N, C-alpha and C. Protein backbone atom coordinates (compact mmCIF):
# COMPACT_ATOMS: atom_id res chain seq x y z
N MET A 1 -0.94 -19.43 30.69
CA MET A 1 -1.48 -19.91 31.98
C MET A 1 -1.89 -21.42 31.96
N ALA A 2 -2.33 -21.64 30.81
CA ALA A 2 -2.79 -23.16 30.57
C ALA A 2 -1.61 -24.15 30.76
N ARG A 3 -0.33 -23.69 30.38
CA ARG A 3 0.70 -24.61 30.60
C ARG A 3 0.71 -25.08 31.92
N MET A 4 0.41 -24.65 33.07
CA MET A 4 0.64 -24.88 34.27
C MET A 4 -0.08 -26.05 34.79
N PHE A 5 -1.28 -26.33 33.93
CA PHE A 5 -2.04 -27.51 34.35
C PHE A 5 -1.42 -28.64 33.56
N LEU A 6 -0.24 -28.57 33.03
CA LEU A 6 0.55 -29.67 32.41
C LEU A 6 1.48 -30.39 33.55
N ILE A 7 1.76 -29.14 34.45
CA ILE A 7 2.86 -29.83 35.41
C ILE A 7 2.48 -30.96 36.17
N PRO A 8 1.13 -31.38 36.64
CA PRO A 8 0.65 -32.57 37.32
C PRO A 8 0.88 -33.84 36.26
N LEU A 9 0.28 -33.53 35.01
CA LEU A 9 0.42 -34.30 34.02
C LEU A 9 1.73 -34.99 33.50
N LEU A 10 2.51 -34.32 33.48
CA LEU A 10 4.06 -34.51 33.25
C LEU A 10 4.63 -35.22 34.24
N LEU A 11 4.42 -34.83 35.27
CA LEU A 11 4.97 -35.49 36.69
C LEU A 11 4.25 -37.01 36.69
N ALA A 12 3.11 -37.00 36.48
CA ALA A 12 2.35 -38.40 36.51
C ALA A 12 3.05 -39.31 35.30
N LEU A 13 3.09 -38.78 34.10
CA LEU A 13 3.69 -39.52 32.85
C LEU A 13 5.30 -40.15 33.31
N GLY A 14 5.95 -39.12 34.23
CA GLY A 14 7.24 -39.49 34.57
C GLY A 14 7.03 -40.69 35.70
N TRP A 15 6.24 -40.71 36.56
CA TRP A 15 6.20 -41.49 37.67
C TRP A 15 5.52 -42.89 36.94
N TRP A 16 4.59 -42.94 35.83
CA TRP A 16 4.13 -43.91 35.27
C TRP A 16 5.42 -44.85 34.38
N ALA A 17 6.34 -43.91 33.75
CA ALA A 17 7.39 -44.44 33.16
C ALA A 17 8.38 -45.08 34.17
N CYS A 18 8.59 -44.45 35.27
CA CYS A 18 9.56 -45.18 36.25
C CYS A 18 8.90 -46.39 36.88
N LEU A 19 7.60 -46.57 37.01
CA LEU A 19 7.13 -47.68 37.55
C LEU A 19 7.27 -49.01 36.45
N LEU A 20 7.12 -48.64 35.19
CA LEU A 20 7.03 -49.50 34.13
C LEU A 20 8.63 -49.79 34.13
N TYR A 21 9.51 -48.94 34.18
CA TYR A 21 10.81 -49.47 33.83
C TYR A 21 11.36 -50.27 35.11
N PHE A 22 10.93 -50.11 36.27
CA PHE A 22 11.48 -50.87 37.36
C PHE A 22 10.24 -52.26 37.83
N ARG A 23 9.36 -52.17 36.82
CA ARG A 23 8.43 -53.26 36.81
C ARG A 23 7.71 -53.35 38.05
N ILE A 24 7.15 -52.43 38.54
CA ILE A 24 6.37 -52.23 39.66
C ILE A 24 4.74 -52.00 39.21
N PRO A 25 3.77 -52.74 39.77
CA PRO A 25 2.61 -52.76 39.37
C PRO A 25 2.03 -51.36 39.76
N ILE A 26 1.18 -51.00 38.88
CA ILE A 26 0.48 -49.51 38.92
C ILE A 26 -0.25 -49.47 40.04
N LYS A 27 -0.83 -50.57 40.66
CA LYS A 27 -1.66 -50.60 41.80
C LYS A 27 -0.86 -50.18 42.85
N GLN A 28 0.37 -50.80 42.80
CA GLN A 28 1.42 -50.58 44.10
C GLN A 28 1.95 -49.11 44.13
N GLY A 29 1.87 -48.30 42.97
CA GLY A 29 2.44 -47.13 42.90
C GLY A 29 1.16 -46.20 42.81
N ALA A 30 0.22 -46.42 42.93
CA ALA A 30 -1.14 -45.49 42.87
C ALA A 30 -1.08 -44.23 43.95
N LYS A 31 -0.28 -44.62 45.08
CA LYS A 31 -0.20 -43.43 46.18
C LYS A 31 0.69 -42.59 45.85
N GLY A 32 1.75 -42.64 44.86
CA GLY A 32 2.48 -41.86 44.26
C GLY A 32 1.76 -40.93 43.38
N PHE A 33 0.69 -41.40 42.38
CA PHE A 33 -0.26 -40.67 41.61
C PHE A 33 -0.87 -39.65 42.37
N TYR A 34 -1.36 -40.09 43.57
CA TYR A 34 -2.30 -39.20 44.34
C TYR A 34 -1.54 -38.18 44.91
N TRP A 35 -0.38 -38.38 45.25
CA TRP A 35 0.71 -37.31 45.58
C TRP A 35 0.94 -36.12 44.50
N ILE A 36 1.40 -36.91 43.52
CA ILE A 36 1.72 -35.96 42.26
C ILE A 36 0.54 -35.22 41.83
N ILE A 37 -0.58 -35.65 41.88
CA ILE A 37 -1.88 -34.65 41.23
C ILE A 37 -2.04 -33.78 42.46
N GLY A 38 -2.27 -34.23 43.65
CA GLY A 38 -2.33 -33.27 44.83
C GLY A 38 -1.27 -32.07 44.84
N ILE A 39 -0.04 -32.50 44.76
CA ILE A 39 0.97 -31.36 44.75
C ILE A 39 1.10 -30.68 43.86
N GLY A 40 0.96 -31.42 42.55
CA GLY A 40 1.19 -30.57 41.37
C GLY A 40 -0.11 -29.78 41.03
N GLY A 41 -1.21 -30.13 41.47
CA GLY A 41 -2.44 -29.34 41.34
C GLY A 41 -2.01 -28.03 42.31
N GLY A 42 -1.69 -28.35 43.50
CA GLY A 42 -1.62 -27.10 44.44
C GLY A 42 -0.69 -26.24 43.94
N LEU A 43 0.34 -26.70 43.24
CA LEU A 43 1.23 -25.67 42.78
C LEU A 43 0.88 -25.08 41.38
N ALA A 44 0.31 -25.65 40.71
CA ALA A 44 -0.28 -24.87 39.58
C ALA A 44 -1.51 -24.07 39.93
N ALA A 45 -2.38 -24.22 41.02
CA ALA A 45 -3.36 -23.24 41.53
C ALA A 45 -2.49 -22.05 42.02
N PHE A 46 -1.52 -22.16 42.85
CA PHE A 46 -0.78 -21.29 43.51
C PHE A 46 -0.26 -20.19 42.71
N PHE A 47 0.71 -21.03 41.55
CA PHE A 47 1.16 -20.04 40.46
C PHE A 47 0.16 -19.52 39.68
N SER A 48 -1.17 -20.09 39.41
CA SER A 48 -2.35 -19.26 38.66
C SER A 48 -2.83 -18.16 39.42
N LEU A 49 -2.87 -18.30 40.73
CA LEU A 49 -3.19 -17.16 41.61
C LEU A 49 -2.27 -15.97 41.59
N MET A 50 -0.88 -16.28 41.74
CA MET A 50 0.07 -15.41 41.72
C MET A 50 0.09 -14.67 40.42
N MET A 51 -0.29 -15.31 39.35
CA MET A 51 -0.19 -14.47 38.12
C MET A 51 -1.57 -13.61 37.99
N VAL A 52 -2.67 -13.83 38.39
CA VAL A 52 -3.71 -13.06 38.64
C VAL A 52 -3.38 -11.98 39.43
N LEU A 53 -2.84 -12.28 40.85
CA LEU A 53 -2.43 -11.10 41.68
C LEU A 53 -1.63 -10.15 41.22
N THR A 54 -0.68 -10.42 40.48
CA THR A 54 0.61 -9.55 40.02
C THR A 54 0.25 -8.97 38.85
N HIS A 55 -0.78 -9.43 37.96
CA HIS A 55 -1.05 -8.82 36.65
C HIS A 55 -1.52 -7.40 36.92
């Protein structure tokens, strides 16, 4: 269950690597981090809830 909280972290690390690769400033890519944390956190919460409900 704890692994589900790694989803937003891994996506954010991937986004950061993409920004570095294309030499885009972190400040310009900040909106992507907000989306990743929001959607990834929502997915993690949903999957955690489904695990609790179906246990």
